[in-house]
Amino acid sequence: MARRFDRRRALAGFGALSLGALLEGCGDDGGKTTGDTTTKTSATTARLFDESSSCTVTPEETEGPYYFDADRIRSDIREDREGTRLRLAIRVRDAAGCKPISNAVVDIWHCDALGLYSGFEAASTGGPGGGGGPTDNEKYLRGAQVTNSDGIVEFVTIYPGWYRGRTVHIHAKVHLDNATVLTSQLYFDEAVTESVYKREPYSQHTGRDTFNSNDGIYDERLLLTLRKDGAGRLGLTTFDVKS
């Protein structure tokens, strides 16, 4: 269930807010989200992250032409989009001391199984638009969450599709207080992608022309750690940021 939220106004006050308080203020109990029963980051998920004692600042990457503030605080961002379920867990840490950062806003967006971006469906298929603001009212596969005490957020989405000129990826931003401290992208192992793309609806979209090996933006340091998660996949990554 989407919750209307003025992120620009609230970012300045996030230092004093927990995710529970935020959701309570929006009329939610902080638990289940429609269509998904794993909206809270579990202790089991937290244990899947490594306990490395050294951190390297996560590389910045281009924002791309299809970003807009969708103004939706939610964990399940799928709406009506079909595809292989992807549970995405992102941890945010202070790069100076490897300590988790709570109350950071993590904002993600990506294309659907056939390469379409909400807000820019025409541009996604070679039509007008892109870079100048949304051209339609769709907001699927976009959303934000606030990190818990372990610095972790979880999203339920689908495995992204592809479009010409780019390898498979997810866009992400991290906001602390009233500042954006990271804009980056996440990438996928090609063997996993090949397996996923053999199934519907991905198999409808043929002629993929760009892979990790020939994408000019791809950075192997931003590869997700992927594992099977029931019939879907679980993706894990850590963003180490300058706080």
Protein backbone atom coordinates (compact mmCIF):
# COMPACT_ATOMS: atom_id res chain seq x y z
CA MET A 1 0.00 0.00 0.00
CA ALA A 2 1.48 3.34 -0.99
CA ARG A 3 1.72 6.15 1.53
CA ARG A 4 1.72 9.77 0.43
CA PHE A 5 4.73 11.50 1.87
CA ASP A 6 6.43 14.86 1.30
CA ARG A 7 10.03 13.67 1.27
CA ARG A 8 11.55 17.08 0.63
CA ARG A 9 9.87 18.53 3.70
CA ALA A 10 10.60 15.55 5.93
CA LEU A 11 14.22 14.86 5.01
CA ALA A 12 15.42 17.66 7.28
CA GLY A 13 13.70 15.96 10.23
CA PHE A 14 14.60 12.33 9.59
CA GLY A 15 17.36 12.45 12.19
CA ALA A 16 14.65 12.47 14.84
CA LEU A 17 12.30 9.95 13.21
CA SER A 18 12.27 6.18 13.12
CA LEU A 19 10.61 4.20 10.36
CA GLY A 20 7.98 3.06 12.83
CA ALA A 21 7.13 6.63 13.78
CA LEU A 22 6.99 7.60 10.13
CA LEU A 23 4.57 4.81 9.26
CA GLU A 24 2.47 5.43 12.35
CA GLY A 25 2.12 9.04 11.31
CA CYS A 26 0.90 7.87 7.91
CA GLY A 27 -1.76 5.62 9.43
CA ASP A 28 0.04 2.27 9.15
CA ASP A 29 1.01 -0.23 11.80
CA GLY A 30 4.53 -0.62 10.41
CA GLY A 31 3.94 -4.24 9.50
CA LYS A 32 2.37 -5.84 6.47
CA THR A 33 2.14 -4.21 3.07
CA THR A 34 -0.60 -5.28 0.66
CA GLY A 35 0.50 -8.32 -1.35
CA ASP A 36 3.60 -9.03 0.74
CA THR A 37 4.15 -10.35 4.26
CA THR A 38 7.88 -9.68 4.55
CA THR A 39 7.95 -5.90 4.78
CA LYS A 40 9.95 -5.70 7.99
CA THR A 41 13.66 -6.41 7.79
CA SER A 42 14.09 -9.61 9.75
CA ALA A 43 17.00 -10.59 11.97
CA THR A 44 17.63 -13.44 9.52
CA THR A 45 18.12 -10.96 6.67
CA ALA A 46 20.42 -8.82 8.78
CA ARG A 47 22.64 -11.83 9.46
CA LEU A 48 23.13 -12.38 5.72
CA PHE A 49 25.28 -9.27 5.50
CA ASP A 50 29.00 -9.72 6.06
CA GLU A 51 30.63 -8.11 9.08
CA SER A 52 33.58 -6.54 7.27
CA SER A 53 35.69 -4.25 9.43
CA SER A 54 36.78 -1.99 6.57
CA CYS A 55 34.68 0.10 4.20
CA THR A 56 35.18 1.71 0.82
CA VAL A 57 32.95 4.55 -0.30
CA THR A 58 30.39 3.20 -2.79
CA PRO A 59 31.04 4.46 -6.32
CA GLU A 60 28.80 7.21 -7.67
CA GLU A 61 26.99 6.54 -10.94
CA THR A 62 24.86 8.64 -13.25
CA GLU A 63 21.26 9.31 -12.23
CA GLY A 64 19.99 8.69 -15.77
CA PRO A 65 17.11 10.47 -17.50
CA TYR A 66 14.18 8.71 -15.82
CA TYR A 67 14.34 9.84 -12.19
CA PHE A 68 11.61 11.74 -10.41
CA ASP A 69 10.53 11.96 -6.78
CA ALA A 70 7.67 9.47 -6.81
CA ASP A 71 6.72 10.52 -3.25
CA ARG A 72 5.96 6.95 -2.17
CA ILE A 73 7.24 5.38 1.03
CA ARG A 74 6.60 1.67 0.54
CA SER A 75 8.38 -1.67 0.54
CA ASP A 76 6.41 -3.47 -2.20
CA ILE A 77 6.89 -1.42 -5.37
CA ARG A 78 5.59 -3.94 -7.93
CA GLU A 79 2.02 -2.69 -8.42
CA ASP A 80 0.76 -4.56 -11.54
CA ARG A 81 4.17 -5.40 -13.01
CA GLU A 82 4.77 -9.09 -13.73
CA GLY A 83 8.14 -10.78 -13.42
CA THR A 84 10.40 -12.85 -11.21
CA ARG A 85 10.07 -11.69 -7.61
CA LEU A 86 13.15 -9.91 -6.30
CA ARG A 87 13.57 -9.18 -2.61
CA LEU A 88 16.17 -6.44 -2.38
CA ALA A 89 17.94 -5.74 0.93
CA ILE A 90 20.20 -2.69 1.09
CA ARG A 91 22.39 -1.76 4.05
CA VAL A 92 23.66 1.80 4.52
CA ARG A 93 26.83 2.39 6.56
CA ASP A 94 29.07 5.28 7.45
CA ALA A 95 32.17 4.69 5.34
CA ALA A 96 34.42 6.24 7.99
CA GLY A 97 33.66 3.63 10.65
CA CYS A 98 31.54 0.91 9.02
CA LYS A 99 28.69 1.69 11.40
CA PRO A 100 25.11 1.24 10.21
CA ILE A 101 23.17 4.44 9.60
CA SER A 102 19.56 4.46 10.75
CA ASN A 103 16.89 6.83 9.42
CA ALA A 104 18.53 7.18 6.01
CA VAL A 105 16.17 7.28 3.04
CA VAL A 106 16.92 4.77 0.27
CA ASP A 107 15.18 5.58 -3.00
CA ILE A 108 15.14 3.05 -5.90
CA TRP A 109 13.69 2.88 -9.40
CA HIS A 110 14.10 0.59 -12.41
CA CYS A 111 12.43 -0.61 -15.61
CA ASP A 112 9.90 -3.42 -15.84
CA ALA A 113 10.39 -6.83 -17.45
CA LEU A 114 9.96 -5.37 -20.94
CA GLY A 115 12.19 -2.33 -20.43
CA LEU A 116 9.58 0.33 -19.57
CA TYR A 117 10.04 3.01 -16.90
CA SER A 118 7.01 4.35 -15.11
CA GLY A 119 6.55 8.04 -15.80
CA PHE A 120 8.44 7.68 -19.07
CA GLU A 121 6.77 4.85 -20.94
CA ALA A 122 6.85 6.72 -24.28
CA ALA A 123 10.54 7.57 -23.97
CA SER A 124 11.31 3.99 -22.95
CA THR A 125 10.05 2.80 -26.34
CA GLY A 126 11.86 5.45 -28.39
CA GLY A 127 9.18 8.11 -28.23
CA PRO A 128 9.35 11.68 -26.87
CA GLY A 129 10.20 12.54 -23.28
CA GLY A 130 12.95 11.74 -20.81
CA GLY A 131 15.07 14.20 -18.89
CA GLY A 132 12.36 16.82 -18.76
CA GLY A 133 10.10 15.31 -16.13
CA PRO A 134 7.47 12.54 -16.23
CA THR A 135 5.19 12.26 -19.26
CA ASP A 136 2.66 9.85 -17.72
CA ASN A 137 1.22 9.25 -14.25
CA GLU A 138 2.54 5.74 -13.62
CA LYS A 139 4.74 5.10 -10.56
CA TYR A 140 5.36 1.34 -10.62
CA LEU A 141 8.82 0.05 -9.63
CA ARG A 142 9.62 3.23 -7.72
CA GLY A 143 9.65 3.76 -3.99
CA ALA A 144 11.62 4.64 -0.88
CA GLN A 145 12.20 3.20 2.57
CA VAL A 146 13.90 4.42 5.75
CA THR A 147 16.71 2.33 7.23
CA ASN A 148 16.18 0.57 10.54
CA SER A 149 18.61 0.35 13.47
CA ASP A 150 20.78 -2.07 11.46
CA GLY A 151 20.95 0.43 8.60
CA ILE A 152 18.88 -1.91 6.39
CA VAL A 153 15.87 -1.49 4.12
CA GLU A 154 14.05 -4.19 2.15
CA PHE A 155 12.07 -3.81 -1.06
CA VAL A 156 9.90 -6.33 -2.86
CA THR A 157 10.12 -5.78 -6.60
CA ILE A 158 10.72 -7.77 -9.79
CA TYR A 159 13.94 -8.67 -11.54
CA PRO A 160 14.51 -5.78 -13.97
CA GLY A 161 14.28 -6.19 -17.72
CA TRP A 162 16.56 -4.52 -20.24
CA TYR A 163 16.49 -1.81 -22.87
CA ARG A 164 18.87 -0.95 -25.70
CA GLY A 165 22.21 0.54 -24.76
CA ARG A 166 22.29 -0.57 -21.10
CA THR A 167 22.97 -3.70 -19.15
CA VAL A 168 20.50 -4.83 -16.47
CA HIS A 169 20.47 -2.43 -13.53
CA ILE A 170 18.60 -0.73 -10.69
CA HIS A 171 19.02 2.96 -9.85
CA ALA A 172 19.36 4.08 -6.23
CA LYS A 173 19.85 7.17 -4.10
CA VAL A 174 20.65 7.57 -0.41
CA HIS A 175 19.49 10.68 1.43
CA LEU A 176 20.72 11.79 4.87
CA ASP A 177 18.97 14.68 6.56
CA ASN A 178 18.38 17.19 3.73
CA ALA A 179 21.17 15.99 1.44
CA THR A 180 21.57 13.28 -1.20
CA VAL A 181 24.83 11.55 -0.26
CA LEU A 182 24.86 8.86 -2.95
CA THR A 183 23.47 8.33 -6.44
CA SER A 184 24.44 4.97 -7.87
CA GLN A 185 23.29 1.80 -9.66
CA LEU A 186 23.15 -1.91 -8.92
CA TYR A 187 24.04 -4.70 -11.35
CA PHE A 188 23.29 -8.39 -11.81
CA ASP A 189 25.30 -11.51 -12.50
CA GLU A 190 24.91 -12.43 -16.17
CA ALA A 191 24.39 -16.14 -15.48
CA VAL A 192 21.46 -15.35 -13.19
CA THR A 193 20.03 -12.90 -15.71
CA GLU A 194 20.24 -15.50 -18.48
CA SER A 195 18.30 -17.97 -16.34
CA VAL A 196 15.60 -15.45 -15.41
CA TYR A 197 15.19 -14.19 -18.97
CA LYS A 198 14.29 -17.67 -20.27
CA ARG A 199 10.91 -17.30 -18.58
CA GLU A 200 7.87 -15.13 -19.22
CA PRO A 201 7.44 -12.21 -19.48
CA TYR A 202 11.16 -11.62 -20.15
CA SER A 203 11.29 -14.11 -23.01
CA GLN A 204 8.93 -11.86 -25.00
CA HIS A 205 11.65 -9.22 -25.21
CA THR A 206 14.43 -10.44 -27.51
CA GLY A 207 17.49 -8.86 -29.11
CA ARG A 208 19.34 -7.71 -26.00
CA ASP A 209 22.38 -5.75 -27.19
CA THR A 210 24.22 -4.64 -24.03
CA PHE A 211 25.73 -6.79 -21.27
CA ASN A 212 27.99 -6.16 -18.28
CA SER A 213 30.99 -6.70 -20.55
CA ASN A 214 30.13 -3.91 -23.00
CA ASP A 215 28.20 -1.43 -20.89
CA GLY A 216 30.12 1.83 -20.55
CA ILE A 217 28.73 2.57 -17.08
CA TYR A 218 28.92 -0.89 -15.50
CA ASP A 219 31.10 -1.21 -12.40
CA GLU A 220 31.73 -4.70 -10.98
CA ARG A 221 31.97 -3.22 -7.46
CA LEU A 222 28.22 -2.62 -7.67
CA LEU A 223 27.25 -6.23 -8.38
CA LEU A 224 24.47 -7.50 -6.16
CA THR A 225 25.01 -10.64 -4.12
CA LEU A 226 22.22 -12.87 -5.41
CA ARG A 227 20.75 -16.07 -4.04
CA LYS A 228 17.59 -18.08 -4.58
CA ASP A 229 14.60 -17.02 -2.50
CA GLY A 230 11.75 -19.45 -3.05
CA ALA A 231 10.62 -19.02 -6.65
CA GLY A 232 12.40 -15.67 -6.83
CA ARG A 233 15.71 -14.09 -5.90
CA LEU A 234 17.19 -12.23 -2.95
CA GLY A 235 19.65 -9.43 -3.69
CA LEU A 236 21.99 -7.99 -1.06
CA THR A 237 24.26 -4.96 -1.18
CA THR A 238 25.85 -2.40 1.12
CA PHE A 239 26.14 1.30 0.43
CA ASP A 240 29.03 2.86 2.34
CA VAL A 241 28.55 6.62 2.28
CA LYS A 242 30.19 9.77 3.59
CA SER A 243 27.89 10.97 6.34
